[in-house]
C-alpha cells in the first residue's frame, strides 16, 4: 500500500487546486474521485467571478474579494504548467437591478446606466426599452472577470499530472479510516489508501462520507449554450433577476441558470431550457439567430446557511473544504491557499472561522 501525506476526496476544481498547492509545499498527494475528474459542478458552472457586495453574502466578502484578486496569477500558473489556454475575460459585467434597491443607491461610486440610450455604446444588441426585459431596471457596471470553467478544470488536471500527483479515478470513497482517534486514510470500493491527512472536497456528496455527516445537499442548476450569430454580439456578462448571459471569446454564449431542490437529479427539462432561452431572447432579440449547442444540469454543493465548510474537523488529521454553492470556481484559489495553510499548521492568511464545520452538529 502506498502511503501519502494527504488524500483529497474529490477532483473538482477545489480538490485539484488544493492538490497543486499542497504539492508546492512538498507533500505527496493522492486525489480520489468517484467518477471522472472535474466533471461534476466544476464542469457545469458558468464561471462568473463575482465578488460584488450586492450579490455576495457579507461573511463571504473578504474571502471572495481575496480570491478574485488572485485569479490572473492563478490562471497564468495553470496555463504555464499545463500548456493549455484558459479563456479568462475582463470585459466586466452589466448587473441589472431595481433602481429603488437600497444597495443600488449605496453603490453610487459605480457607473450606472438608467436608460437604453446610455447602454447602447456598451451593448447595442440589448433590448431594454419599449417593453424589453430590462425596461424597469437600472444597470451597474462591475469590473469583474469571468472564466471558462471547462478550460480551467482541464488545465488544472493537466497541471496536477505534470506535477506527478496521483489519481484514483472511478473510485468511490466509502469512509475515512480512523485509527486511535485520528484520520489515517480512506476506504474505497477498490482498496484502502493510507495518509497522514485526509480532506473532504466531495462537493454535494461530502455529507455521504463518514465519519461526519456534513450538511451538504445538491442544488440543481440547468443552463444551455448557444453559438452567437456574431462572435461579439454581446461582450459583457449580463445579469438580470431572471437570467444571466456569459459570452465566451470563441463566440459561444452560456445562458443560465436555475436553482432547484431536486436531489441528485441531473436531467435537463426541455420546458425549463426553453424558458431560459426565451428570457435571453427578451434581452437580446438577435439571439433568435443563435445556433443551439448544448444543455446540461449540474449539482452545486449547498449548505443550510449558503456558506462553505472549510477547515479542520473535530477528528485530528481530517479536514473539509466543501459547500461552495455558486462560488466554487471563484473561491478555488483562496480555498487552496487557506486550506494548505491550515493543513500544514500555519495561520490562515484569511480568517475562515465563520466557515468551520463546528457551526453544524456534525
Protein backbone atom coordinates (compact mmCIF):
# COMPACT_ATOMS: atom_id res chain seq x y z
CA UNK A 1 0.00 0.00 0.00
CA UNK A 2 1.33 3.44 -0.96
CA UNK A 3 1.44 5.99 1.82
CA UNK A 4 0.64 9.64 1.20
CA UNK A 5 0.99 12.87 3.11
CA UNK A 6 -2.52 13.90 2.10
CA UNK A 7 -5.52 12.30 0.41
CA UNK A 8 -8.06 14.60 -1.23
CA UNK A 9 -11.55 13.20 -1.75
CA UNK A 10 -12.99 14.78 -4.89
CA UNK A 11 -11.20 16.01 -8.01
CA UNK A 12 -13.29 19.04 -8.90
CA UNK A 13 -11.67 22.44 -9.13
CA UNK A 14 -11.48 22.75 -5.32
CA UNK A 15 -9.70 19.41 -4.89
CA UNK A 16 -7.46 19.93 -7.90
CA UNK A 17 -6.38 23.41 -6.77
CA UNK A 18 -5.67 22.18 -3.25
CA UNK A 19 -3.63 19.24 -4.59
CA UNK A 20 -1.42 21.63 -6.53
CA UNK A 21 -0.99 23.92 -3.52
CA UNK A 22 -0.02 21.03 -1.24
CA UNK A 23 2.35 19.68 -3.88
CA UNK A 24 4.10 23.08 -3.98
CA UNK A 25 4.77 22.61 -0.27
CA UNK A 26 6.45 19.26 -0.93
CA UNK A 27 3.60 16.94 0.12
CA UNK A 28 2.86 13.65 -1.62
CA UNK A 29 -0.81 13.89 -2.61
CA UNK A 30 -3.46 11.47 -3.88
CA UNK A 31 -6.75 12.59 -5.46
CA UNK A 32 -9.59 10.08 -5.17
CA UNK A 33 -12.56 10.76 -7.45
CA UNK A 34 -15.77 8.73 -7.65
CA UNK A 35 -16.21 9.47 -11.36
CA UNK A 36 -14.24 11.47 -13.90
CA UNK A 37 -12.10 14.35 -12.64
CA UNK A 38 -13.65 17.79 -12.99
CA UNK A 39 -16.93 16.57 -14.47
CA UNK A 40 -19.44 17.47 -11.77
CA UNK A 41 -20.28 21.02 -10.60
CA UNK A 42 -16.97 22.41 -11.92
CA UNK A 43 -17.83 21.27 -15.45
CA UNK A 44 -21.39 22.62 -15.22
CA UNK A 45 -20.59 26.07 -13.82
CA UNK A 46 -20.86 29.41 -15.59
CA UNK A 47 -17.57 30.86 -14.34
CA UNK A 48 -18.64 34.34 -13.22
CA UNK A 49 -16.06 35.64 -10.73
CA UNK A 50 -18.48 37.79 -8.77
CA UNK A 51 -17.38 39.41 -5.51
CA UNK A 52 -19.81 42.35 -5.62
CA UNK A 53 -21.42 43.13 -2.19
CA UNK A 54 -24.94 43.23 -3.63
CA UNK A 55 -24.61 39.55 -4.62
CA UNK A 56 -22.12 38.21 -2.06
CA UNK A 57 -23.15 37.23 1.47
CA UNK A 58 -21.38 39.53 3.99
CA UNK A 59 -19.45 36.72 5.78
CA UNK A 60 -18.08 35.64 2.39
CA UNK A 61 -16.97 39.06 1.18
CA UNK A 62 -13.35 39.01 2.35
CA UNK A 63 -12.79 35.50 1.01
CA UNK A 64 -14.46 36.31 -2.33
CA UNK A 65 -12.50 39.53 -2.86
CA UNK A 66 -9.19 37.88 -1.96
CA UNK A 67 -9.85 35.03 -4.39
CA UNK A 68 -10.96 37.32 -7.24
CA UNK A 69 -7.70 39.27 -6.87
CA UNK A 70 -5.70 36.02 -7.15
CA UNK A 71 -7.29 34.93 -10.42
CA UNK A 72 -4.92 36.39 -13.06
CA UNK A 73 -1.89 34.75 -11.43
CA UNK A 74 -3.86 31.56 -10.73
CA UNK A 75 -4.77 31.25 -14.42
CA UNK A 76 -1.28 32.19 -15.55
CA UNK A 77 0.29 29.42 -13.44
CA UNK A 78 -2.18 26.80 -14.66
CA UNK A 79 -1.62 27.77 -18.29
CA UNK A 80 2.14 27.71 -17.82
CA UNK A 81 2.17 24.26 -16.19
CA UNK A 82 -0.45 22.65 -18.41
CA UNK A 83 0.35 24.24 -21.76
CA UNK A 84 -3.40 24.82 -22.21
CA UNK A 85 -5.23 28.08 -22.90
CA UNK A 86 -7.83 29.31 -20.39
CA UNK A 87 -10.48 31.79 -21.51
CA UNK A 88 -10.31 34.47 -18.81
CA UNK A 89 -12.24 37.59 -19.79
CA UNK A 90 -12.05 41.03 -18.19
CA UNK A 91 -14.71 42.95 -20.10
CA UNK A 92 -16.83 43.29 -16.97
CA UNK A 93 -20.47 42.71 -16.08
CA UNK A 94 -23.70 44.63 -16.53
CA UNK A 95 -25.83 43.91 -13.46
CA UNK A 96 -29.48 44.87 -13.76
CA UNK A 97 -31.27 45.67 -10.50
CA UNK A 98 -34.25 47.59 -9.22
CA UNK A 99 -33.10 51.26 -9.03
CA UNK A 100 -35.02 51.64 -5.76
CA UNK A 101 -32.99 48.90 -4.10
CA UNK A 102 -31.12 50.35 -1.10
CA UNK A 103 -27.93 48.52 -2.02
CA UNK A 104 -28.11 50.01 -5.51
CA UNK A 105 -28.35 53.56 -4.15
CA UNK A 106 -25.43 52.90 -1.80
CA UNK A 107 -23.16 51.81 -4.66
CA UNK A 108 -23.14 55.28 -6.22
CA UNK A 109 -19.39 55.10 -6.86
CA UNK A 110 -20.06 52.57 -9.62
CA UNK A 111 -21.01 53.67 -13.14
CA UNK A 112 -24.77 53.24 -13.56
CA UNK A 113 -27.00 53.37 -16.60
CA UNK A 114 -30.71 54.06 -16.32
CA UNK A 115 -31.68 54.25 -19.98
CA UNK A 116 -31.27 52.12 -23.05
CA UNK A 117 -29.52 55.01 -24.77
CA UNK A 118 -26.76 55.19 -22.16
CA UNK A 119 -26.13 51.45 -22.55
CA UNK A 120 -26.13 51.41 -26.34
CA UNK A 121 -22.43 52.14 -26.67
CA UNK A 122 -21.58 49.16 -24.43
CA UNK A 123 -24.05 46.57 -25.68
CA UNK A 124 -26.03 47.69 -28.75
CA UNK A 125 -27.80 44.32 -29.02
CA UNK A 126 -29.55 44.64 -25.66
CA UNK A 127 -33.28 45.44 -25.80
CA UNK A 128 -34.08 47.41 -22.66
CA UNK A 129 -36.85 49.77 -23.71
CA UNK A 130 -40.33 49.56 -25.24
CA UNK A 131 -41.31 46.65 -23.02
CA UNK A 132 -37.94 44.88 -23.06
CA UNK A 133 -36.90 42.67 -20.17
CA UNK A 134 -34.80 45.34 -18.52
CA UNK A 135 -37.16 48.30 -19.05
CA UNK A 136 -37.86 48.80 -15.33
CA UNK A 137 -34.33 48.05 -14.19
CA UNK A 138 -31.11 50.03 -13.96
CA UNK A 139 -27.66 48.68 -14.65
CA UNK A 140 -24.41 48.78 -12.74
CA UNK A 141 -21.11 48.18 -14.49
CA UNK A 142 -18.91 45.83 -12.45
CA UNK A 143 -15.21 45.39 -13.11
CA UNK A 144 -15.29 41.64 -12.62
CA UNK A 145 -13.87 38.79 -14.63
CA UNK A 146 -15.31 35.55 -15.90
CA UNK A 147 -13.55 32.31 -16.78
CA UNK A 148 -14.44 29.21 -18.76
CA UNK A 149 -14.61 26.52 -16.04
CA UNK A 150 -14.04 23.70 -18.52
CA UNK A 151 -10.80 25.32 -19.67
CA UNK A 152 -9.88 25.85 -16.04
CA UNK A 153 -10.51 22.28 -14.90
CA UNK A 154 -8.78 20.79 -17.96
CA UNK A 155 -5.71 22.91 -17.22
CA UNK A 156 -5.82 22.03 -13.52
CA UNK A 157 -5.98 18.29 -14.31
CA UNK A 158 -3.06 18.62 -16.74
CA UNK A 159 -1.07 20.64 -14.19
CA UNK A 160 -1.60 18.04 -11.44
CA UNK A 161 -0.46 15.26 -13.77
CA UNK A 162 2.54 17.36 -14.82
CA UNK A 163 3.48 17.61 -11.15
CA UNK A 164 3.23 13.85 -10.68
CA UNK A 165 0.22 13.98 -8.37
CA UNK A 166 -1.51 10.59 -8.19
CA UNK A 167 -5.15 9.96 -9.13
CA UNK A 168 -7.55 7.15 -8.34
CA UNK A 169 -10.50 7.82 -10.67
CA UNK A 170 -13.79 5.96 -10.73
CA UNK A 171 -13.13 5.08 -7.10
CA UNK A 172 -15.91 5.77 -4.61
CA UNK A 173 -14.77 6.64 -1.07
CA UNK A 174 -16.88 4.76 1.46
CA UNK A 175 -15.37 6.21 4.64
CA UNK A 176 -12.42 7.97 6.20
CA UNK A 177 -10.35 5.50 8.18
CA UNK A 178 -9.88 6.43 11.85
CA UNK A 179 -7.14 4.85 13.98
CA UNK A 180 -6.67 5.83 17.64
CA UNK A 181 -8.97 8.79 17.09
CA UNK A 182 -7.03 10.17 14.10
CA UNK A 183 -7.67 10.11 10.36
CA UNK A 184 -5.23 7.68 8.75
CA UNK A 185 -6.57 7.21 5.22
CA UNK A 186 -9.66 6.27 3.25
CA UNK A 187 -11.55 3.11 2.43
CA UNK A 188 -12.87 2.91 -1.14
CA UNK A 189 -14.79 0.35 -3.18
CA UNK A 190 -11.50 -0.72 -4.76
CA UNK A 191 -8.94 -0.63 -1.94
CA UNK A 192 -7.61 1.28 1.07
CA UNK A 193 -5.22 4.23 0.96
CA UNK A 194 -3.11 5.44 3.85
CA UNK A 195 -2.21 9.07 4.61
CA UNK A 196 -1.26 11.42 7.40
CA UNK A 197 -4.15 13.76 6.46
CA UNK A 198 -7.46 13.50 4.61
CA UNK A 199 -9.52 16.37 3.23
CA UNK A 200 -13.10 16.04 2.03
CA UNK A 201 -13.65 18.07 -1.16
CA UNK A 202 -16.52 15.95 -2.43
CA UNK A 203 -18.94 18.80 -3.09
CA UNK A 204 -22.63 17.85 -2.89
CA UNK A 205 -21.58 14.30 -1.95
CA UNK A 206 -19.39 15.36 1.01
CA UNK A 207 -22.02 14.50 3.60
CA UNK A 208 -22.24 10.89 2.43
CA UNK A 209 -18.71 10.05 3.60
CA UNK A 210 -18.27 9.04 7.24
CA UNK A 211 -17.46 9.68 9.99
CA UNK A 212 -19.02 13.19 9.85
CA UNK A 213 -22.35 13.94 8.17
CA UNK A 214 -21.63 17.39 6.77
CA UNK A 215 -24.95 19.09 5.88
CA UNK A 216 -24.30 19.47 2.18
CA UNK A 217 -27.02 18.98 -0.40
CA UNK A 218 -27.25 19.19 -4.20
CA UNK A 219 -28.81 22.34 -5.68
CA UNK A 220 -29.59 21.68 -9.32
CA UNK A 221 -28.78 24.28 -11.96
CA UNK A 222 -29.87 23.95 -15.59
CA UNK A 223 -28.32 26.01 -18.38
CA UNK A 224 -27.70 26.00 -22.10
CA UNK A 225 -25.05 27.08 -24.57
CA UNK A 226 -25.53 28.66 -28.00
CA UNK A 227 -23.24 29.97 -30.71
CA UNK A 228 -23.94 33.68 -31.20
CA UNK A 229 -24.75 34.80 -34.77
CA UNK A 230 -21.93 37.33 -34.40
CA UNK A 231 -18.80 36.49 -32.43
CA UNK A 232 -19.03 39.67 -30.31
CA UNK A 233 -22.79 40.16 -30.37
CA UNK A 234 -22.58 40.50 -26.56
CA UNK A 235 -19.23 41.32 -24.96
CA UNK A 236 -20.07 41.77 -21.28
CA UNK A 237 -21.57 39.30 -18.87
CA UNK A 238 -25.20 40.37 -18.40
CA UNK A 239 -27.10 39.51 -15.22
CA UNK A 240 -30.77 40.22 -14.54
CA UNK A 241 -33.07 38.77 -11.86
CA UNK A 242 -34.34 36.25 -14.44
CA UNK A 243 -31.30 35.14 -16.43
CA UNK A 244 -27.60 35.63 -17.00
CA UNK A 245 -25.69 35.67 -20.25
CA UNK A 246 -21.99 34.74 -20.32
CA UNK A 247 -20.20 35.28 -23.64
CA UNK A 248 -17.06 33.32 -24.43
CA UNK A 249 -14.18 34.55 -26.56
CA UNK A 250 -14.86 31.96 -29.28
CA UNK A 251 -18.42 33.20 -29.91
CA UNK A 252 -20.30 30.83 -27.62
CA UNK A 253 -22.73 32.12 -25.02
CA UNK A 254 -23.90 30.40 -21.84
CA UNK A 255 -27.45 31.12 -20.69
CA UNK A 256 -28.43 30.22 -17.15
CA UNK A 257 -29.33 29.17 -14.63
CA UNK A 258 -31.93 27.65 -12.36
CA UNK A 259 -31.61 26.84 -8.65
CA UNK A 260 -33.70 23.76 -7.89
CA UNK A 261 -34.07 21.45 -4.92
CA UNK A 262 -34.25 18.23 -6.93
CA UNK A 263 -31.94 15.85 -5.09
CA UNK A 264 -29.26 14.24 -7.24
CA UNK A 265 -31.30 14.51 -10.45
CA UNK A 266 -29.14 15.93 -13.26
CA UNK A 267 -31.66 15.61 -16.07
CA UNK A 268 -32.48 18.71 -18.09
CA UNK A 269 -36.14 19.66 -18.55
CA UNK A 270 -36.99 20.92 -22.07
CA UNK A 271 -39.55 23.41 -20.76
CA UNK A 272 -37.01 24.89 -18.36
CA UNK A 273 -34.35 25.21 -21.04
CA UNK A 274 -36.90 26.92 -23.30
CA UNK A 275 -37.78 29.38 -20.52
CA UNK A 276 -34.12 30.30 -20.13
CA UNK A 277 -33.75 30.71 -23.88
CA UNK A 278 -36.83 32.95 -24.02
CA UNK A 279 -35.51 35.12 -21.18
CA UNK A 280 -32.29 35.54 -23.18
CA UNK A 281 -34.25 36.44 -26.33
CA UNK A 282 -36.18 39.08 -24.37
CA UNK A 283 -32.83 40.70 -23.57
CA UNK A 284 -31.10 40.13 -26.91
CA UNK A 285 -33.62 39.51 -29.72
CA UNK A 286 -30.86 38.73 -32.22
CA UNK A 287 -30.14 35.54 -30.27
CA UNK A 288 -33.08 34.11 -32.20
CA UNK A 289 -30.46 33.53 -34.90
CA UNK A 290 -28.11 31.72 -32.49
CA UNK A 291 -27.38 28.04 -33.02
CA UNK A 292 -28.17 25.76 -30.10
CA UNK A 293 -25.11 23.83 -28.96
CA UNK A 294 -25.86 22.02 -25.71
CA UNK A 295 -27.85 21.99 -22.47
CA UNK A 296 -26.93 20.44 -19.13
CA UNK A 297 -27.57 20.40 -15.41
CA UNK A 298 -25.08 20.46 -12.56
CA UNK A 299 -25.34 19.95 -8.81
CA UNK A 300 -23.99 22.81 -6.71
CA UNK A 301 -22.97 21.87 -3.16
CA UNK A 302 -25.33 23.82 -0.90
CA UNK A 303 -25.34 24.20 2.89
CA UNK A 304 -28.08 25.39 5.28
CA UNK A 305 -26.59 28.90 5.57
CA UNK A 306 -25.31 29.08 1.96
CA UNK A 307 -21.71 29.36 3.19
CA UNK A 308 -18.85 26.91 2.57
CA UNK A 309 -17.47 24.50 5.15
CA UNK A 310 -13.71 25.00 5.49
CA UNK A 311 -11.04 23.89 7.93
CA UNK A 312 -10.27 21.14 10.42
CA UNK A 313 -12.88 18.79 11.81
CA UNK A 314 -13.08 17.51 15.37
CA UNK A 315 -11.16 14.43 14.17
CA UNK A 316 -7.41 15.14 14.09
CA UNK A 317 -5.98 14.82 10.59
CA UNK A 318 -9.38 15.16 8.91
CA UNK A 319 -10.24 18.39 7.07
CA UNK A 320 -13.08 19.62 4.90
CA UNK A 321 -13.45 22.08 2.01
CA UNK A 322 -16.92 21.90 0.52
CA UNK A 323 -20.30 23.65 0.31
CA UNK A 324 -19.17 26.44 -2.03
CA UNK A 325 -22.63 26.57 -3.68
CA UNK A 326 -22.42 29.01 -6.64
CA UNK A 327 -18.88 30.16 -5.79
CA UNK A 328 -16.68 27.11 -6.26
CA UNK A 329 -14.93 28.45 -9.35
CA UNK A 330 -14.45 31.90 -7.79
CA UNK A 331 -13.18 30.56 -4.46
CA UNK A 332 -10.84 27.86 -5.78
CA UNK A 333 -7.54 29.76 -5.47
CA UNK A 334 -8.17 31.19 -2.00
CA UNK A 335 -9.61 27.89 -0.74
CA UNK A 336 -6.49 26.08 -1.89
CA UNK A 337 -4.21 28.62 -0.25
CA UNK A 338 -6.05 28.78 3.08
CA UNK A 339 -6.63 25.03 3.36
CA UNK A 340 -2.97 24.29 2.62
CA UNK A 341 -2.01 26.74 5.35
CA UNK A 342 -4.37 25.14 7.86
CA UNK A 343 -3.34 21.59 6.96
CA UNK A 344 0.35 22.39 7.39
CA UNK A 345 -0.11 24.15 10.73
CA UNK A 346 0.21 27.73 9.52
CA UNK A 347 -2.06 30.63 10.45
CA UNK A 348 -4.54 31.15 7.59
CA UNK A 349 -3.97 34.32 5.59
CA UNK A 350 -7.74 34.93 5.51
CA UNK A 351 -9.99 34.33 8.50
CA UNK A 352 -12.22 31.32 7.81
CA UNK A 353 -13.62 30.88 11.33
CA UNK A 354 -17.13 31.68 10.02
CA UNK A 355 -16.93 28.59 7.84
CA UNK A 356 -15.94 26.00 10.45
CA UNK A 357 -17.69 22.64 10.37
CA UNK A 358 -18.24 23.19 14.08
CA UNK A 359 -21.13 25.57 13.36
CA UNK A 360 -23.17 22.50 12.47
CA UNK A 361 -23.85 19.48 14.65
CA UNK A 362 -21.78 17.03 12.59
